[in-house]
Amino acid sequence: MVQAMIQLNEHEDRVLTIVKGKYGLKTKSEAINLVIEKFEQEFLEPELRPEYTKKLNKIHRGKYTSFKSIEELKKATS
């Protein structure tokens, strides 16, 4: 575990205290960890859900038709 010494202004300290109280946390360290988790979930790329991965694999294995030119595609669709 990494330990860090941080400086907070009064407003930031109040926000952490509110987060700590709202979620029933024991320490401000837990509040900081919760804020980091929320930030990660909202802003960083989430892992693909298993259902979505299955759907992508199904699409990938699908049946496709190849066309040599745009004209050939237009003939097939009209």
PDB file of N, CA and C in Angstrom:
ATOM      1  N   MET A   1       0.847  -1.168   0.000  1.00  0.00           N
ATOM      2  CA  MET A   1       0.000   0.000   0.000  1.00  0.00           C
ATOM      3  C   MET A   1       0.894   1.234   0.000  1.00  0.00           C
ATOM      4  N   VAL A   2       0.506   2.209  -0.785  1.00  0.00           N
ATOM      5  CA  VAL A   2       1.251   3.457  -0.874  1.00  0.00           C
ATOM      6  C   VAL A   2       0.641   4.462   0.091  1.00  0.00           C
ATOM      7  N   GLN A   3       1.485   5.170   0.791  1.00  0.00           N
ATOM      8  CA  GLN A   3       1.014   6.234   1.677  1.00  0.00           C
ATOM      9  C   GLN A   3       1.401   7.562   1.071  1.00  0.00           C
ATOM     10  N   ALA A   4       0.500   8.528   1.181  1.00  0.00           N
ATOM     11  CA  ALA A   4       0.768   9.839   0.612  1.00  0.00           C
ATOM     12  C   ALA A   4       0.345  10.916   1.590  1.00  0.00           C
ATOM     13  N   MET A   5       1.132  11.947   1.613  1.00  0.00           N
ATOM     14  CA  MET A   5       0.804  13.112   2.425  1.00  0.00           C
ATOM     15  C   MET A   5       0.191  14.127   1.463  1.00  0.00           C
ATOM     16  N   ILE A   6      -1.058  14.537   1.704  1.00  0.00           N
ATOM     17  CA  ILE A   6      -1.706  15.469   0.792  1.00  0.00           C
ATOM     18  C   ILE A   6      -2.136  16.723   1.539  1.00  0.00           C
ATOM     19  N   GLN A   7      -2.250  17.811   0.789  1.00  0.00           N
ATOM     20  CA  GLN A   7      -2.729  19.057   1.364  1.00  0.00           C
ATOM     21  C   GLN A   7      -4.082  19.371   0.746  1.00  0.00           C
ATOM     22  N   LEU A   8      -5.064  19.618   1.591  1.00  0.00           N
ATOM     23  CA  LEU A   8      -6.400  19.949   1.131  1.00  0.00           C
ATOM     24  C   LEU A   8      -6.765  21.339   1.621  1.00  0.00           C
ATOM     25  N   ASN A   9      -7.477  22.074   0.777  1.00  0.00           N
ATOM     26  CA  ASN A   9      -7.980  23.343   1.281  1.00  0.00           C
ATOM     27  C   ASN A   9      -9.266  23.059   2.051  1.00  0.00           C
ATOM     28  N   GLU A  10      -9.852  24.073   2.615  1.00  0.00           N
ATOM     29  CA  GLU A  10     -11.015  23.892   3.490  1.00  0.00           C
ATOM     30  C   GLU A  10     -12.198  23.274   2.746  1.00  0.00           C
ATOM     31  N   HIS A  11     -12.441  23.724   1.522  1.00  0.00           N
ATOM     32  CA  HIS A  11     -13.564  23.206   0.735  1.00  0.00           C
ATOM     33  C   HIS A  11     -13.381  21.715   0.428  1.00  0.00           C
ATOM     34  N   GLU A  12     -12.193  21.333  -0.006  1.00  0.00           N
ATOM     35  CA  GLU A  12     -11.914  19.931  -0.325  1.00  0.00           C
ATOM     36  C   GLU A  12     -12.067  19.054   0.905  1.00  0.00           C
ATOM     37  N   ASP A  13     -11.635  19.556   2.055  1.00  0.00           N
ATOM     38  CA  ASP A  13     -11.771  18.824   3.313  1.00  0.00           C
ATOM     39  C   ASP A  13     -13.243  18.618   3.654  1.00  0.00           C
ATOM     40  N   ARG A  14     -14.066  19.648   3.442  1.00  0.00           N
ATOM     41  CA  ARG A  14     -15.505  19.529   3.700  1.00  0.00           C
ATOM     42  C   ARG A  14     -16.141  18.490   2.783  1.00  0.00           C
ATOM     43  N   VAL A  15     -15.745  18.520   1.516  1.00  0.00           N
ATOM     44  CA  VAL A  15     -16.296  17.543   0.563  1.00  0.00           C
ATOM     45  C   VAL A  15     -15.960  16.123   1.012  1.00  0.00           C
ATOM     46  N   LEU A  16     -14.718  15.896   1.407  1.00  0.00           N
ATOM     47  CA  LEU A  16     -14.336  14.553   1.882  1.00  0.00           C
ATOM     48  C   LEU A  16     -15.122  14.162   3.126  1.00  0.00           C
ATOM     49  N   THR A  17     -15.348  15.109   4.003  1.00  0.00           N
ATOM     50  CA  THR A  17     -16.115  14.831   5.221  1.00  0.00           C
ATOM     51  C   THR A  17     -17.553  14.464   4.866  1.00  0.00           C
ATOM     52  N   ILE A  18     -18.127  15.144   3.886  1.00  0.00           N
ATOM     53  CA  ILE A  18     -19.487  14.830   3.445  1.00  0.00           C
ATOM     54  C   ILE A  18     -19.539  13.442   2.818  1.00  0.00           C
ATOM     55  N   VAL A  19     -18.570  13.132   1.950  1.00  0.00           N
ATOM     56  CA  VAL A  19     -18.515  11.807   1.327  1.00  0.00           C
ATOM     57  C   VAL A  19     -18.367  10.738   2.399  1.00  0.00           C
ATOM     58  N   LYS A  20     -17.506  10.996   3.351  1.00  0.00           N
ATOM     59  CA  LYS A  20     -17.271  10.056   4.452  1.00  0.00           C
ATOM     60  C   LYS A  20     -18.567   9.796   5.216  1.00  0.00           C
ATOM     61  N   GLY A  21     -19.311  10.840   5.540  1.00  0.00           N
ATOM     62  CA  GLY A  21     -20.564  10.689   6.270  1.00  0.00           C
ATOM     63  C   GLY A  21     -21.659  10.045   5.445  1.00  0.00           C
ATOM     64  N   LYS A  22     -21.774  10.447   4.188  1.00  0.00           N
ATOM     65  CA  LYS A  22     -22.846   9.943   3.328  1.00  0.00           C
ATOM     66  C   LYS A  22     -22.732   8.446   3.109  1.00  0.00           C
ATOM     67  N   TYR A  23     -21.515   7.941   2.956  1.00  0.00           N
ATOM     68  CA  TYR A  23     -21.315   6.526   2.674  1.00  0.00           C
ATOM     69  C   TYR A  23     -20.934   5.720   3.920  1.00  0.00           C
ATOM     70  N   GLY A  24     -20.967   6.346   5.084  1.00  0.00           N
ATOM     71  CA  GLY A  24     -20.689   5.638   6.332  1.00  0.00           C
ATOM     72  C   GLY A  24     -19.271   5.112   6.437  1.00  0.00           C
ATOM     73  N   LEU A  25     -18.322   5.890   5.941  1.00  0.00           N
ATOM     74  CA  LEU A  25     -16.924   5.467   5.969  1.00  0.00           C
ATOM     75  C   LEU A  25     -16.283   5.891   7.286  1.00  0.00           C
ATOM     76  N   LYS A  26     -15.229   5.174   7.673  1.00  0.00           N
ATOM     77  CA  LYS A  26     -14.578   5.453   8.954  1.00  0.00           C
ATOM     78  C   LYS A  26     -13.497   6.519   8.842  1.00  0.00           C
ATOM     79  N   THR A  27     -12.811   6.561   7.710  1.00  0.00           N
ATOM     80  CA  THR A  27     -11.692   7.498   7.575  1.00  0.00           C
ATOM     81  C   THR A  27     -11.793   8.286   6.277  1.00  0.00           C
ATOM     82  N   LYS A  28     -11.064   9.387   6.231  1.00  0.00           N
ATOM     83  CA  LYS A  28     -11.011  10.186   5.003  1.00  0.00           C
ATOM     84  C   LYS A  28     -10.240   9.440   3.922  1.00  0.00           C
ATOM     85  N   SER A  29      -9.354   8.556   4.314  1.00  0.00           N
ATOM     86  CA  SER A  29      -8.636   7.739   3.352  1.00  0.00           C
ATOM     87  C   SER A  29      -9.626   6.869   2.573  1.00  0.00           C
ATOM     88  N   GLU A  30     -10.611   6.297   3.262  1.00  0.00           N
ATOM     89  CA  GLU A  30     -11.641   5.509   2.593  1.00  0.00           C
ATOM     90  C   GLU A  30     -12.469   6.390   1.655  1.00  0.00           C
ATOM     91  N   ALA A  31     -12.725   7.635   2.079  1.00  0.00           N
ATOM     92  CA  ALA A  31     -13.480   8.572   1.248  1.00  0.00           C
ATOM     93  C   ALA A  31     -12.699   8.902  -0.028  1.00  0.00           C
ATOM     94  N   ILE A  32     -11.400   9.105   0.102  1.00  0.00           N
ATOM     95  CA  ILE A  32     -10.565   9.382  -1.072  1.00  0.00           C
ATOM     96  C   ILE A  32     -10.579   8.184  -2.018  1.00  0.00           C
ATOM     97  N   ASN A  33     -10.471   6.974  -1.470  1.00  0.00           N
ATOM     98  CA  ASN A  33     -10.511   5.772  -2.299  1.00  0.00           C
ATOM     99  C   ASN A  33     -11.838   5.649  -3.041  1.00  0.00           C
ATOM    100  N   LEU A  34     -12.945   5.988  -2.378  1.00  0.00           N
ATOM    101  CA  LEU A  34     -14.256   5.927  -3.010  1.00  0.00           C
ATOM    102  C   LEU A  34     -14.352   6.939  -4.156  1.00  0.00           C
ATOM    103  N   VAL A  35     -13.859   8.152  -3.922  1.00  0.00           N
ATOM    104  CA  VAL A  35     -13.884   9.175  -4.966  1.00  0.00           C
ATOM    105  C   VAL A  35     -13.059   8.724  -6.165  1.00  0.00           C
ATOM    106  N   ILE A  36     -11.922   8.108  -5.913  1.00  0.00           N
ATOM    107  CA  ILE A  36     -11.069   7.611  -7.000  1.00  0.00           C
ATOM    108  C   ILE A  36     -11.794   6.515  -7.777  1.00  0.00           C
ATOM    109  N   GLU A  37     -12.470   5.595  -7.084  1.00  0.00           N
ATOM    110  CA  GLU A  37     -13.222   4.532  -7.753  1.00  0.00           C
ATOM    111  C   GLU A  37     -14.321   5.116  -8.646  1.00  0.00           C
ATOM    112  N   LYS A  38     -15.058   6.099  -8.132  1.00  0.00           N
ATOM    113  CA  LYS A  38     -16.130   6.728  -8.915  1.00  0.00           C
ATOM    114  C   LYS A  38     -15.554   7.409 -10.152  1.00  0.00           C
ATOM    115  N   PHE A  39     -14.434   8.087  -9.997  1.00  0.00           N
ATOM    116  CA  PHE A  39     -13.790   8.757 -11.120  1.00  0.00           C
ATOM    117  C   PHE A  39     -13.374   7.732 -12.161  1.00  0.00           C
ATOM    118  N   GLU A  40     -12.804   6.627 -11.704  1.00  0.00           N
ATOM    119  CA  GLU A  40     -12.363   5.580 -12.621  1.00  0.00           C
ATOM    120  C   GLU A  40     -13.533   5.022 -13.420  1.00  0.00           C
ATOM    121  N   GLN A  41     -14.639   4.738 -12.747  1.00  0.00           N
ATOM    122  CA  GLN A  41     -15.805   4.168 -13.416  1.00  0.00           C
ATOM    123  C   GLN A  41     -16.394   5.123 -14.443  1.00  0.00           C
ATOM    124  N   GLU A  42     -16.363   6.411 -14.145  1.00  0.00           N
ATOM    125  CA  GLU A  42     -17.012   7.388 -15.016  1.00  0.00           C
ATOM    126  C   GLU A  42     -16.136   7.844 -16.172  1.00  0.00           C
ATOM    127  N   PHE A  43     -14.844   8.016 -15.943  1.00  0.00           N
ATOM    128  CA  PHE A  43     -14.004   8.654 -16.935  1.00  0.00           C
ATOM    129  C   PHE A  43     -13.017   7.739 -17.648  1.00  0.00           C
ATOM    130  N   LEU A  44     -12.598   6.674 -17.027  1.00  0.00           N
ATOM    131  CA  LEU A  44     -11.649   5.786 -17.678  1.00  0.00           C
ATOM    132  C   LEU A  44     -12.395   4.721 -18.455  1.00  0.00           C
ATOM    133  N   GLU A  45     -11.731   4.119 -19.425  1.00  0.00           N
ATOM    134  CA  GLU A  45     -12.381   3.109 -20.255  1.00  0.00           C
ATOM    135  C   GLU A  45     -12.760   1.889 -19.427  1.00  0.00           C
ATOM    136  N   PRO A  46     -14.031   1.551 -19.406  1.00  0.00           N
ATOM    137  CA  PRO A  46     -14.441   0.351 -18.660  1.00  0.00           C
ATOM    138  C   PRO A  46     -14.093  -0.903 -19.447  1.00  0.00           C
ATOM    139  N   GLU A  47     -13.953  -2.002 -18.765  1.00  0.00           N
ATOM    140  CA  GLU A  47     -13.726  -3.275 -19.437  1.00  0.00           C
ATOM    141  C   GLU A  47     -15.010  -3.671 -20.151  1.00  0.00           C
ATOM    142  N   LEU A  48     -14.881  -4.439 -21.203  1.00  0.00           N
ATOM    143  CA  LEU A  48     -16.062  -4.872 -21.937  1.00  0.00           C
ATOM    144  C   LEU A  48     -16.863  -5.864 -21.107  1.00  0.00           C
ATOM    145  N   ARG A  49     -18.164  -5.657 -21.076  1.00  0.00           N
ATOM    146  CA  ARG A  49     -19.035  -6.578 -20.371  1.00  0.00           C
ATOM    147  C   ARG A  49     -19.045  -7.913 -21.112  1.00  0.00           C
ATOM    148  N   PRO A  50     -19.176  -9.019 -20.408  1.00  0.00           N
ATOM    149  CA  PRO A  50     -19.179 -10.334 -21.057  1.00  0.00           C
ATOM    150  C   PRO A  50     -20.263 -10.462 -22.124  1.00  0.00           C
ATOM    151  N   GLU A  51     -21.458  -9.856 -21.884  1.00  0.00           N
ATOM    152  CA  GLU A  51     -22.532  -9.951 -22.872  1.00  0.00           C
ATOM    153  C   GLU A  51     -22.124  -9.265 -24.170  1.00  0.00           C
ATOM    154  N   TYR A  52     -21.457  -8.136 -24.052  1.00  0.00           N
ATOM    155  CA  TYR A  52     -21.039  -7.389 -25.231  1.00  0.00           C
ATOM    156  C   TYR A  52     -19.946  -8.149 -25.986  1.00  0.00           C
ATOM    157  N   THR A  53     -19.028  -8.761 -25.249  1.00  0.00           N
ATOM    158  CA  THR A  53     -17.970  -9.552 -25.877  1.00  0.00           C
ATOM    159  C   THR A  53     -18.574 -10.709 -26.667  1.00  0.00           C
ATOM    160  N   LYS A  54     -19.579 -11.380 -26.096  1.00  0.00           N
ATOM    161  CA  LYS A  54     -20.254 -12.474 -26.802  1.00  0.00           C
ATOM    162  C   LYS A  54     -20.920 -11.960 -28.076  1.00  0.00           C
ATOM    163  N   LYS A  55     -21.563 -10.803 -27.978  1.00  0.00           N
ATOM    164  CA  LYS A  55     -22.235 -10.223 -29.137  1.00  0.00           C
ATOM    165  C   LYS A  55     -21.226  -9.891 -30.241  1.00  0.00           C
ATOM    166  N   LEU A  56     -20.083  -9.324 -29.854  1.00  0.00           N
ATOM    167  CA  LEU A  56     -19.044  -9.009 -30.836  1.00  0.00           C
ATOM    168  C   LEU A  56     -18.515 -10.262 -31.515  1.00  0.00           C
ATOM    169  N   ASN A  57     -18.310 -11.317 -30.732  1.00  0.00           N
ATOM    170  CA  ASN A  57     -17.835 -12.583 -31.308  1.00  0.00           C
ATOM    171  C   ASN A  57     -18.853 -13.162 -32.282  1.00  0.00           C
ATOM    172  N   LYS A  58     -20.137 -13.048 -31.943  1.00  0.00           N
ATOM    173  CA  LYS A  58     -21.192 -13.549 -32.818  1.00  0.00           C
ATOM    174  C   LYS A  58     -21.199 -12.764 -34.139  1.00  0.00           C
ATOM    175  N   ILE A  59     -21.042 -11.451 -34.054  1.00  0.00           N
ATOM    176  CA  ILE A  59     -20.982 -10.620 -35.250  1.00  0.00           C
ATOM    177  C   ILE A  59     -19.759 -10.987 -36.083  1.00  0.00           C
ATOM    178  N   HIS A  60     -18.648 -11.196 -35.423  1.00  0.00           N
ATOM    179  CA  HIS A  60     -17.403 -11.524 -36.114  1.00  0.00           C
ATOM    180  C   HIS A  60     -17.503 -12.844 -36.888  1.00  0.00           C
ATOM    181  N   ARG A  61     -18.225 -13.816 -36.322  1.00  0.00           N
ATOM    182  CA  ARG A  61     -18.381 -15.123 -36.965  1.00  0.00           C
ATOM    183  C   ARG A  61     -19.489 -15.133 -38.011  1.00  0.00           C
ATOM    184  N   GLY A  62     -20.173 -14.016 -38.194  1.00  0.00           N
ATOM    185  CA  GLY A  62     -21.326 -13.944 -39.096  1.00  0.00           C
ATOM    186  C   GLY A  62     -20.980 -14.228 -40.543  1.00  0.00           C
ATOM    187  N   LYS A  63     -22.020 -14.292 -41.373  1.00  0.00           N
ATOM    188  CA  LYS A  63     -21.862 -14.556 -42.796  1.00  0.00           C
ATOM    189  C   LYS A  63     -21.733 -13.221 -43.520  1.00  0.00           C
ATOM    190  N   TYR A  64     -20.766 -13.126 -44.404  1.00  0.00           N
ATOM    191  CA  TYR A  64     -20.500 -11.899 -45.133  1.00  0.00           C
ATOM    192  C   TYR A  64     -20.387 -12.181 -46.618  1.00  0.00           C
ATOM    193  N   THR A  65     -20.678 -11.172 -47.411  1.00  0.00           N
ATOM    194  CA  THR A  65     -20.537 -11.266 -48.864  1.00  0.00           C
ATOM    195  C   THR A  65     -19.479 -10.267 -49.295  1.00  0.00           C
ATOM    196  N   SER A  66     -18.541 -10.727 -50.101  1.00  0.00           N
ATOM    197  CA  SER A  66     -17.484  -9.840 -50.592  1.00  0.00           C
ATOM    198  C   SER A  66     -17.868  -9.271 -51.948  1.00  0.00           C
ATOM    199  N   PHE A  67     -17.508  -8.023 -52.163  1.00  0.00           N
ATOM    200  CA  PHE A  67     -17.747  -7.353 -53.429  1.00  0.00           C
ATOM    201  C   PHE A  67     -16.435  -6.804 -53.940  1.00  0.00           C
ATOM    202  N   LYS A  68     -16.235  -6.906 -55.237  1.00  0.00           N
ATOM    203  CA  LYS A  68     -14.993  -6.424 -55.839  1.00  0.00           C
ATOM    204  C   LYS A  68     -15.049  -4.945 -56.163  1.00  0.00           C
ATOM    205  N   SER A  69     -16.259  -4.408 -56.288  1.00  0.00           N
ATOM    206  CA  SER A  69     -16.382  -2.992 -56.613  1.00  0.00           C
ATOM    207  C   SER A  69     -17.685  -2.433 -56.053  1.00  0.00           C
ATOM    208  N   ILE A  70     -17.799  -1.126 -56.062  1.00  0.00           N
ATOM    209  CA  ILE A  70     -19.011  -0.457 -55.598  1.00  0.00           C
ATOM    210  C   ILE A  70     -20.186  -0.797 -56.535  1.00  0.00           C
ATOM    211  N   GLU A  71     -19.905  -0.892 -57.814  1.00  0.00           N
ATOM    212  CA  GLU A  71     -20.943  -1.217 -58.793  1.00  0.00           C
ATOM    213  C   GLU A  71     -21.552  -2.581 -58.508  1.00  0.00           C
ATOM    214  N   GLU A  72     -20.703  -3.534 -58.150  1.00  0.00           N
ATOM    215  CA  GLU A  72     -21.169  -4.880 -57.822  1.00  0.00           C
ATOM    216  C   GLU A  72     -22.070  -4.844 -56.582  1.00  0.00           C
ATOM    217  N   LEU A  73     -21.712  -4.041 -55.619  1.00  0.00           N
ATOM    218  CA  LEU A  73     -22.524  -3.873 -54.407  1.00  0.00           C
ATOM    219  C   LEU A  73     -23.868  -3.249 -54.753  1.00  0.00           C
ATOM    220  N   LYS A  74     -23.838  -2.229 -55.595  1.00  0.00           N
ATOM    221  CA  LYS A  74     -25.092  -1.559 -55.975  1.00  0.00           C
ATOM    222  C   LYS A  74     -26.018  -2.525 -56.709  1.00  0.00           C
ATOM    223  N   LYS A  75     -25.466  -3.379 -57.563  1.00  0.00           N
ATOM    224  CA  LYS A  75     -26.282  -4.361 -58.294  1.00  0.00           C
ATOM    225  C   LYS A  75     -26.928  -5.353 -57.326  1.00  0.00           C
ATOM    226  N   ALA A  76     -26.184  -5.763 -56.317  1.00  0.00           N
ATOM    227  CA  ALA A  76     -26.680  -6.747 -55.368  1.00  0.00           C
ATOM    228  C   ALA A  76     -27.787  -6.174 -54.483  1.00  0.00           C
ATOM    229  N   THR A  77     -27.724  -4.879 -54.174  1.00  0.00           N
ATOM    230  CA  THR A  77     -28.696  -4.271 -53.282  1.00  0.00           C
ATOM    231  C   THR A  77     -29.925  -3.742 -54.009  1.00  0.00           C
ATOM    232  N   SER A  78     -29.853  -3.636 -55.328  1.00  0.00           N
ATOM    233  CA  SER A  78     -31.018  -3.100 -56.047  1.00  0.00           C
ATOM    234  C   SER A  78     -31.852  -4.175 -56.673  1.00  0.00           C
TER     235      SER A  78
END
